[in-house]
Amino acid sequence: MAGHLPPSRPIRKPGVLRRTLDAIGGYTTYCCSDPSCDVQVRVRGMEPGEQRYYQELAADHARHGNRA
């Protein structure tokens, strides 16, 4: 179909245990959106600009997709 975008990947979220521990400790965990990648970035106590940087770092699979 012309004019339609391909389906996007679902956003990966940390598991229930990680989200619970994050809530207790005041952390936020960002995961890579690629299902084959296990990169996670966990942050706490940062300003929104800094936190956004780490969110984008976790989402940018090209930066960590070729890890050996």
Protein backbone atom coordinates (compact mmCIF):
# COMPACT_ATOMS: atom_id res chain seq x y z
CA MET A 1 0.00 0.00 0.00
CA ALA A 2 1.44 3.28 -1.02
CA GLY A 3 1.82 5.92 1.66
CA HIS A 4 1.87 3.55 4.63
CA LEU A 5 4.80 3.17 6.98
CA PRO A 6 6.05 -0.27 7.96
CA PRO A 7 5.00 -1.37 11.44
CA SER A 8 7.33 -0.11 14.14
CA ARG A 9 8.89 -2.36 16.74
CA PRO A 10 7.18 -2.47 20.10
CA ILE A 11 9.01 -0.58 22.82
CA ARG A 12 10.86 -2.94 25.14
CA LYS A 13 10.24 -2.37 28.81
CA PRO A 14 12.07 -3.75 31.83
CA GLY A 15 10.41 -6.65 33.62
CA VAL A 16 8.05 -6.34 36.58
CA LEU A 17 10.79 -7.03 39.14
CA ARG A 18 13.11 -4.37 37.65
CA ARG A 19 10.28 -1.80 37.55
CA THR A 20 9.40 -2.56 41.19
CA LEU A 21 13.01 -2.21 42.33
CA ASP A 22 13.36 1.00 40.30
CA ALA A 23 10.27 2.46 41.98
CA ILE A 24 11.64 1.63 45.43
CA GLY A 25 15.10 3.04 44.69
CA GLY A 26 14.02 6.02 42.58
CA TYR A 27 15.66 4.71 39.39
CA THR A 28 14.51 4.72 35.78
CA THR A 29 15.63 1.95 33.43
CA TYR A 30 15.73 2.39 29.66
CA CYS A 31 16.11 -0.62 27.33
CA CYS A 32 17.23 -0.95 23.74
CA SER A 33 14.23 -1.40 21.45
CA ASP A 34 15.90 -4.24 19.51
CA PRO A 35 14.64 -7.56 20.93
CA SER A 36 18.01 -9.25 20.34
CA CYS A 37 19.91 -6.56 22.29
CA ASP A 38 20.16 -6.71 26.08
CA VAL A 39 21.53 -3.18 26.67
CA GLN A 40 19.88 -1.35 29.57
CA VAL A 41 20.66 2.05 31.03
CA ARG A 42 19.63 2.70 34.63
CA VAL A 43 19.65 6.29 35.93
CA ARG A 44 18.75 8.15 39.11
CA GLY A 45 18.91 11.71 40.35
CA MET A 46 19.60 13.49 37.07
CA GLU A 47 18.18 16.58 35.48
CA PRO A 48 15.73 15.99 32.59
CA GLY A 49 18.32 16.88 29.93
CA GLU A 50 20.83 14.37 31.26
CA GLN A 51 18.17 11.72 31.66
CA ARG A 52 17.02 12.28 28.06
CA TYR A 53 20.59 11.74 26.83
CA TYR A 54 20.73 8.31 28.47
CA GLN A 55 17.25 7.45 27.20
CA GLU A 56 18.41 8.20 23.65
CA LEU A 57 21.65 6.26 24.22
CA ALA A 58 19.68 3.15 25.21
CA ALA A 59 17.34 3.52 22.22
CA ASP A 60 20.12 4.01 19.64
CA HIS A 61 20.89 0.40 18.74
CA ALA A 62 23.49 1.49 16.17
CA ARG A 63 25.74 2.69 19.02
CA HIS A 64 25.80 -0.67 20.78
CA GLY A 65 24.50 -3.13 18.20
CA ASN A 66 27.94 -4.37 17.13
CA ARG A 67 29.25 -5.28 20.55
CA ALA A 68 31.30 -8.48 20.68
